[in-house]
PDB file of all heavy atoms in Angstrom:
ATOM      1  N   LEU A   1      27.054 -15.520  14.446  1.00  0.00           N
ATOM      2  CA  LEU A   1      26.465 -14.835  13.361  1.00  0.00           C
ATOM      3  C   LEU A   1      26.349 -13.438  13.487  1.00  0.00           C
ATOM      4  O   LEU A   1      26.592 -12.559  12.691  1.00  0.00           O
ATOM      5  CB  LEU A   1      25.120 -15.445  12.988  1.00  0.00           C
ATOM      6  CG  LEU A   1      24.199 -14.784  11.975  1.00  0.00           C
ATOM      7  CD1 LEU A   1      24.934 -14.914  10.626  1.00  0.00           C
ATOM      8  CD2 LEU A   1      22.903 -15.520  11.895  1.00  0.00           C
ATOM      9  N   TYR A   2      25.891 -12.978  14.785  1.00  0.00           N
ATOM     10  CA  TYR A   2      25.589 -11.592  14.975  1.00  0.00           C
ATOM     11  C   TYR A   2      26.646 -10.783  15.703  1.00  0.00           C
ATOM     12  O   TYR A   2      26.483  -9.613  16.074  1.00  0.00           O
ATOM     13  CB  TYR A   2      24.228 -11.466  15.883  1.00  0.00           C
ATOM     14  CG  TYR A   2      23.138 -12.140  15.196  1.00  0.00           C
ATOM     15  CD1 TYR A   2      22.506 -13.189  15.878  1.00  0.00           C
ATOM     16  CD2 TYR A   2      22.682 -11.765  13.878  1.00  0.00           C
ATOM     17  CE1 TYR A   2      21.314 -13.837  15.243  1.00  0.00           C
ATOM     18  CE2 TYR A   2      21.658 -12.466  13.311  1.00  0.00           C
ATOM     19  CZ  TYR A   2      20.958 -13.431  14.000  1.00  0.00           C
ATOM     20  OH  TYR A   2      19.854 -14.061  13.321  1.00  0.00           O
ATOM     21  N   ARG A   3      27.888 -11.466  15.783  1.00  0.00           N
ATOM     22  CA  ARG A   3      29.003 -10.633  16.531  1.00  0.00           C
ATOM     23  C   ARG A   3      29.576  -9.649  15.614  1.00  0.00           C
ATOM     24  O   ARG A   3      30.249  -8.735  16.172  1.00  0.00           O
ATOM     25  CB  ARG A   3      29.943 -11.664  17.043  1.00  0.00           C
ATOM     26  CG  ARG A   3      30.891 -12.277  15.958  1.00  0.00           C
ATOM     27  CD  ARG A   3      31.919 -13.227  16.563  1.00  0.00           C
ATOM     28  NE  ARG A   3      32.673 -13.785  15.449  1.00  0.00           N
ATOM     29  CZ  ARG A   3      33.538 -14.835  15.653  1.00  0.00           C
ATOM     30  NH1 ARG A   3      33.613 -15.316  16.871  1.00  0.00           N
ATOM     31  NH2 ARG A   3      34.246 -15.233  14.708  1.00  0.00           N
ATOM     32  N   ASP A   4      29.560  -9.825  14.256  1.00  0.00           N
ATOM     33  CA  ASP A   4      30.242  -8.859  13.375  1.00  0.00           C
ATOM     34  C   ASP A   4      29.157  -8.164  12.556  1.00  0.00           C
ATOM     35  O   ASP A   4      28.179  -8.703  12.183  1.00  0.00           O
ATOM     36  CB  ASP A   4      31.088  -9.732  12.416  1.00  0.00           C
ATOM     37  CG  ASP A   4      31.903  -8.897  11.531  1.00  0.00           C
ATOM     38  OD1 ASP A   4      33.026  -8.423  11.981  1.00  0.00           O
ATOM     39  OD2 ASP A   4      31.479  -8.494  10.344  1.00  0.00           O
ATOM     40  N   PRO A   5      29.393  -6.860  12.361  1.00  0.00           N
ATOM     41  CA  PRO A   5      28.403  -6.003  11.650  1.00  0.00           C
ATOM     42  C   PRO A   5      28.171  -6.473  10.245  1.00  0.00           C
ATOM     43  O   PRO A   5      27.132  -6.265   9.661  1.00  0.00           O
ATOM     44  CB  PRO A   5      28.957  -4.629  11.761  1.00  0.00           C
ATOM     45  CG  PRO A   5      30.385  -4.790  12.040  1.00  0.00           C
ATOM     46  CD  PRO A   5      30.533  -5.930  12.916  1.00  0.00           C
ATOM     47  N   ARG A   6      29.212  -7.091   9.623  1.00  0.00           N
ATOM     48  CA  ARG A   6      28.992  -7.472   8.218  1.00  0.00           C
ATOM     49  C   ARG A   6      28.149  -8.710   8.142  1.00  0.00           C
ATOM     50  O   ARG A   6      27.299  -8.751   7.253  1.00  0.00           O
ATOM     51  CB  ARG A   6      30.369  -7.826   7.642  1.00  0.00           C
ATOM     52  CG  ARG A   6      31.300  -6.620   7.578  1.00  0.00           C
ATOM     53  CD  ARG A   6      32.740  -7.079   7.315  1.00  0.00           C
ATOM     54  NE  ARG A   6      33.686  -5.981   7.384  1.00  0.00           N
ATOM     55  CZ  ARG A   6      34.145  -5.460   8.519  1.00  0.00           C
ATOM     56  NH1 ARG A   6      33.680  -6.069   9.723  1.00  0.00           N
ATOM     57  NH2 ARG A   6      34.912  -4.568   8.656  1.00  0.00           N
ATOM     58  N   THR A   7      28.198  -9.673   9.049  1.00  0.00           N
ATOM     59  CA  THR A   7      27.269 -10.779   8.983  1.00  0.00           C
ATOM     60  C   THR A   7      25.900 -10.391   9.385  1.00  0.00           C
ATOM     61  O   THR A   7      24.893 -10.898   8.851  1.00  0.00           O
ATOM     62  CB  THR A   7      27.841 -11.939  10.006  1.00  0.00           C
ATOM     63  OG1 THR A   7      27.951 -11.441  11.306  1.00  0.00           O
ATOM     64  CG2 THR A   7      29.166 -12.455   9.489  1.00  0.00           C
ATOM     65  N   ARG A   8      25.784  -9.441  10.269  1.00  0.00           N
ATOM     66  CA  ARG A   8      24.475  -8.898  10.607  1.00  0.00           C
ATOM     67  C   ARG A   8      23.804  -8.259   9.418  1.00  0.00           C
ATOM     68  O   ARG A   8      22.649  -8.456   9.143  1.00  0.00           O
ATOM     69  CB  ARG A   8      24.582  -7.906  11.773  1.00  0.00           C
ATOM     70  CG  ARG A   8      24.848  -8.620  13.139  1.00  0.00           C
ATOM     71  CD  ARG A   8      24.524  -7.631  14.377  1.00  0.00           C
ATOM     72  NE  ARG A   8      25.207  -6.361  14.192  1.00  0.00           N
ATOM     73  CZ  ARG A   8      26.441  -6.122  14.736  1.00  0.00           C
ATOM     74  NH1 ARG A   8      26.977  -7.061  15.507  1.00  0.00           N
ATOM     75  NH2 ARG A   8      27.002  -4.965  14.723  1.00  0.00           N
ATOM     76  N   LEU A   9      24.615  -7.409   8.786  1.00  0.00           N
ATOM     77  CA  LEU A   9      24.025  -6.635   7.586  1.00  0.00           C
ATOM     78  C   LEU A   9      23.745  -7.601   6.478  1.00  0.00           C
ATOM     79  O   LEU A   9      22.637  -7.465   5.828  1.00  0.00           O
ATOM     80  CB  LEU A   9      25.187  -5.700   7.091  1.00  0.00           C
ATOM     81  CG  LEU A   9      24.750  -4.886   5.879  1.00  0.00           C
ATOM     82  CD1 LEU A   9      23.554  -4.058   6.089  1.00  0.00           C
ATOM     83  CD2 LEU A   9      26.017  -3.986   5.434  1.00  0.00           C
ATOM     84  N   PHE A  10      24.467  -8.676   6.307  1.00  0.00           N
ATOM     85  CA  PHE A  10      24.194  -9.661   5.238  1.00  0.00           C
ATOM     86  C   PHE A  10      22.904 -10.396   5.526  1.00  0.00           C
ATOM     87  O   PHE A  10      22.081 -10.549   4.685  1.00  0.00           O
ATOM     88  CB  PHE A  10      25.375 -10.711   5.070  1.00  0.00           C
ATOM     89  CG  PHE A  10      25.116 -11.743   4.113  1.00  0.00           C
ATOM     90  CD1 PHE A  10      25.143 -11.510   2.756  1.00  0.00           C
ATOM     91  CD2 PHE A  10      24.761 -13.042   4.534  1.00  0.00           C
ATOM     92  CE1 PHE A  10      24.916 -12.531   1.807  1.00  0.00           C
ATOM     93  CE2 PHE A  10      24.597 -14.061   3.595  1.00  0.00           C
ATOM     94  CZ  PHE A  10      24.642 -13.773   2.218  1.00  0.00           C
ATOM     95  N   ALA A  11      22.691 -10.761   6.821  1.00  0.00           N
ATOM     96  CA  ALA A  11      21.472 -11.447   7.161  1.00  0.00           C
ATOM     97  C   ALA A  11      20.254 -10.500   6.975  1.00  0.00           C
ATOM     98  O   ALA A  11      19.263 -10.969   6.421  1.00  0.00           O
ATOM     99  CB  ALA A  11      21.564 -11.893   8.708  1.00  0.00           C
ATOM    100  N   ILE A  12      20.416  -9.200   7.283  1.00  0.00           N
ATOM    101  CA  ILE A  12      19.310  -8.229   7.086  1.00  0.00           C
ATOM    102  C   ILE A  12      18.903  -8.046   5.643  1.00  0.00           C
ATOM    103  O   ILE A  12      17.833  -8.081   5.264  1.00  0.00           O
ATOM    104  CB  ILE A  12      19.648  -6.977   7.794  1.00  0.00           C
ATOM    105  CG1 ILE A  12      19.695  -7.086   9.329  1.00  0.00           C
ATOM    106  CG2 ILE A  12      18.683  -5.818   7.332  1.00  0.00           C
ATOM    107  CD1 ILE A  12      20.260  -5.818  10.008  1.00  0.00           C
ATOM    108  N   LEU A  13      19.924  -7.998   4.854  1.00  0.00           N
ATOM    109  CA  LEU A  13      19.740  -7.778   3.344  1.00  0.00           C
ATOM    110  C   LEU A  13      19.066  -9.020   2.818  1.00  0.00           C
ATOM    111  O   LEU A  13      18.125  -8.942   1.972  1.00  0.00           O
ATOM    112  CB  LEU A  13      21.086  -7.593   2.648  1.00  0.00           C
ATOM    113  CG  LEU A  13      21.743  -6.193   2.879  1.00  0.00           C
ATOM    114  CD1 LEU A  13      23.140  -6.123   2.218  1.00  0.00           C
ATOM    115  CD2 LEU A  13      20.913  -5.092   2.318  1.00  0.00           C
ATOM    116  N   LEU A  14      19.525 -10.189   3.203  1.00  0.00           N
ATOM    117  CA  LEU A  14      18.875 -11.354   2.754  1.00  0.00           C
ATOM    118  C   LEU A  14      17.374 -11.492   3.037  1.00  0.00           C
ATOM    119  O   LEU A  14      16.612 -11.766   2.269  1.00  0.00           O
ATOM    120  CB  LEU A  14      19.709 -12.571   3.318  1.00  0.00           C
ATOM    121  CG  LEU A  14      19.414 -14.017   2.658  1.00  0.00           C
ATOM    122  CD1 LEU A  14      20.690 -14.839   2.777  1.00  0.00           C
ATOM    123  CD2 LEU A  14      18.218 -14.689   3.221  1.00  0.00           C
ATOM    124  N   LEU A  15      17.122 -11.221   4.309  1.00  0.00           N
ATOM    125  CA  LEU A  15      15.748 -11.225   4.802  1.00  0.00           C
ATOM    126  C   LEU A  15      14.911 -10.119   4.242  1.00  0.00           C
ATOM    127  O   LEU A  15      13.708 -10.376   3.868  1.00  0.00           O
ATOM    128  CB  LEU A  15      15.631 -11.131   6.341  1.00  0.00           C
ATOM    129  CG  LEU A  15      16.393 -12.246   7.158  1.00  0.00           C
ATOM    130  CD1 LEU A  15      16.332 -12.007   8.586  1.00  0.00           C
ATOM    131  CD2 LEU A  15      15.604 -13.651   6.818  1.00  0.00           C
ATOM    132  N   LEU A  16      15.421  -8.931   3.944  1.00  0.00           N
ATOM    133  CA  LEU A  16      14.664  -7.913   3.194  1.00  0.00           C
ATOM    134  C   LEU A  16      14.367  -8.365   1.832  1.00  0.00           C
ATOM    135  O   LEU A  16      13.253  -8.041   1.348  1.00  0.00           O
ATOM    136  CB  LEU A  16      15.494  -6.663   3.263  1.00  0.00           C
ATOM    137  CG  LEU A  16      15.532  -5.746   4.542  1.00  0.00           C
ATOM    138  CD1 LEU A  16      16.407  -4.538   4.347  1.00  0.00           C
ATOM    139  CD2 LEU A  16      14.128  -5.316   4.860  1.00  0.00           C
ATOM    140  N   THR A  17      15.244  -8.885   1.144  1.00  0.00           N
ATOM    141  CA  THR A  17      15.045  -9.327  -0.322  1.00  0.00           C
ATOM    142  C   THR A  17      13.964 -10.473  -0.243  1.00  0.00           C
ATOM    143  O   THR A  17      13.052 -10.484  -1.173  1.00  0.00           O
ATOM    144  CB  THR A  17      16.347  -9.860  -0.837  1.00  0.00           C
ATOM    145  OG1 THR A  17      17.351  -8.919  -0.734  1.00  0.00           O
ATOM    146  CG2 THR A  17      16.132 -10.130  -2.387  1.00  0.00           C
ATOM    147  N   LEU A  18      14.111 -11.409   0.705  1.00  0.00           N
ATOM    148  CA  LEU A  18      13.148 -12.494   0.829  1.00  0.00           C
ATOM    149  C   LEU A  18      11.743 -11.860   1.080  1.00  0.00           C
ATOM    150  O   LEU A  18      10.706 -12.223   0.419  1.00  0.00           O
ATOM    151  CB  LEU A  18      13.494 -13.365   1.906  1.00  0.00           C
ATOM    152  CG  LEU A  18      12.600 -14.629   2.095  1.00  0.00           C
ATOM    153  CD1 LEU A  18      12.542 -15.484   0.903  1.00  0.00           C
ATOM    154  CD2 LEU A  18      13.113 -15.471   3.317  1.00  0.00           C
ATOM    155  N   LEU A  19      11.608 -11.005   1.929  1.00  0.00           N
ATOM    156  CA  LEU A  19      10.332 -10.273   2.349  1.00  0.00           C
ATOM    157  C   LEU A  19       9.714  -9.513   1.098  1.00  0.00           C
ATOM    158  O   LEU A  19       8.527  -9.630   0.858  1.00  0.00           O
ATOM    159  CB  LEU A  19      10.530  -9.347   3.483  1.00  0.00           C
ATOM    160  CG  LEU A  19       9.264  -8.673   3.974  1.00  0.00           C
ATOM    161  CD1 LEU A  19       8.208  -9.615   4.450  1.00  0.00           C
ATOM    162  CD2 LEU A  19       9.562  -7.591   5.075  1.00  0.00           C
ATOM    163  N   LEU A  20      10.619  -8.800   0.408  1.00  0.00           N
ATOM    164  CA  LEU A  20      10.137  -8.114  -0.830  1.00  0.00           C
ATOM    165  C   LEU A  20       9.604  -9.065  -1.944  1.00  0.00           C
ATOM    166  O   LEU A  20       8.524  -8.848  -2.437  1.00  0.00           O
ATOM    167  CB  LEU A  20      11.256  -7.315  -1.345  1.00  0.00           C
ATOM    168  CG  LEU A  20      11.057  -6.559  -2.692  1.00  0.00           C
ATOM    169  CD1 LEU A  20      10.015  -5.484  -2.428  1.00  0.00           C
ATOM    170  CD2 LEU A  20      12.248  -5.893  -3.140  1.00  0.00           C
ATOM    171  N   CYS A  21      10.257 -10.169  -2.131  1.00  0.00           N
ATOM    172  CA  CYS A  21       9.738 -11.175  -3.090  1.00  0.00           C
ATOM    173  C   CYS A  21       8.503 -11.687  -2.645  1.00  0.00           C
ATOM    174  O   CYS A  21       7.569 -11.913  -3.513  1.00  0.00           O
ATOM    175  CB  CYS A  21      10.735 -12.252  -3.308  1.00  0.00           C
ATOM    176  SG  CYS A  21      12.304 -11.770  -4.129  1.00  0.00           S
ATOM    177  N   LEU A  22       8.273 -12.016  -1.467  1.00  0.00           N
ATOM    178  CA  LEU A  22       7.036 -12.577  -0.914  1.00  0.00           C
ATOM    179  C   LEU A  22       5.945 -11.559  -1.045  1.00  0.00           C
ATOM    180  O   LEU A  22       4.803 -11.908  -1.463  1.00  0.00           O
ATOM    181  CB  LEU A  22       7.141 -12.830   0.548  1.00  0.00           C
ATOM    182  CG  LEU A  22       7.897 -14.196   0.928  1.00  0.00           C
ATOM    183  CD1 LEU A  22       8.154 -14.308   2.465  1.00  0.00           C
ATOM    184  CD2 LEU A  22       7.139 -15.423   0.487  1.00  0.00           C
ATOM    185  N   CYS A  23       6.219 -10.286  -0.823  1.00  0.00           N
ATOM    186  CA  CYS A  23       5.086  -9.203  -0.919  1.00  0.00           C
ATOM    187  C   CYS A  23       4.743  -9.121  -2.423  1.00  0.00           C
ATOM    188  O   CYS A  23       3.502  -9.017  -2.723  1.00  0.00           O
ATOM    189  CB  CYS A  23       5.649  -7.905  -0.409  1.00  0.00           C
ATOM    190  SG  CYS A  23       5.810  -7.808   1.350  1.00  0.00           S
ATOM    191  N   ILE A  24       5.741  -9.121  -3.312  1.00  0.00           N
ATOM    192  CA  ILE A  24       5.430  -9.070  -4.757  1.00  0.00           C
ATOM    193  C   ILE A  24       4.550 -10.238  -5.151  1.00  0.00           C
ATOM    194  O   ILE A  24       3.562 -10.122  -5.878  1.00  0.00           O
ATOM    195  CB  ILE A  24       6.720  -8.918  -5.578  1.00  0.00           C
ATOM    196  CG1 ILE A  24       7.375  -7.561  -5.246  1.00  0.00           C
ATOM    197  CG2 ILE A  24       6.383  -9.080  -7.032  1.00  0.00           C
ATOM    198  CD1 ILE A  24       8.723  -7.424  -5.954  1.00  0.00           C
ATOM    199  N   LEU A  25       4.869 -11.406  -4.756  1.00  0.00           N
ATOM    200  CA  LEU A  25       4.178 -12.588  -5.091  1.00  0.00           C
ATOM    201  C   LEU A  25       2.736 -12.581  -4.578  1.00  0.00           C
ATOM    202  O   LEU A  25       1.813 -13.143  -5.258  1.00  0.00           O
ATOM    203  CB  LEU A  25       4.909 -13.871  -4.550  1.00  0.00           C
ATOM    204  CG  LEU A  25       4.395 -15.194  -5.050  1.00  0.00           C
ATOM    205  CD1 LEU A  25       4.530 -15.311  -6.480  1.00  0.00           C
ATOM    206  CD2 LEU A  25       5.108 -16.277  -4.274  1.00  0.00           C
ATOM    207  N   ILE A  26       2.592 -11.964  -3.414  1.00  0.00           N
ATOM    208  CA  ILE A  26       1.231 -11.813  -2.835  1.00  0.00           C
ATOM    209  C   ILE A  26       0.381 -10.798  -3.571  1.00  0.00           C
ATOM    210  O   ILE A  26      -0.863 -10.977  -3.904  1.00  0.00           O
ATOM    211  CB  ILE A  26       1.260 -11.514  -1.372  1.00  0.00           C
ATOM    212  CG1 ILE A  26       1.868 -12.711  -0.609  1.00  0.00           C
ATOM    213  CG2 ILE A  26      -0.131 -11.293  -0.765  1.00  0.00           C
ATOM    214  CD1 ILE A  26       2.147 -12.415   0.885  1.00  0.00           C
TER     215      ILE A  26
END
């Protein structure tokens, strides 16, 4: 998962979006 910069970037974007939605919901 983390060997390629694209998969790392995708995982970071997914987690950032998830965190943002959680913050808004709170």
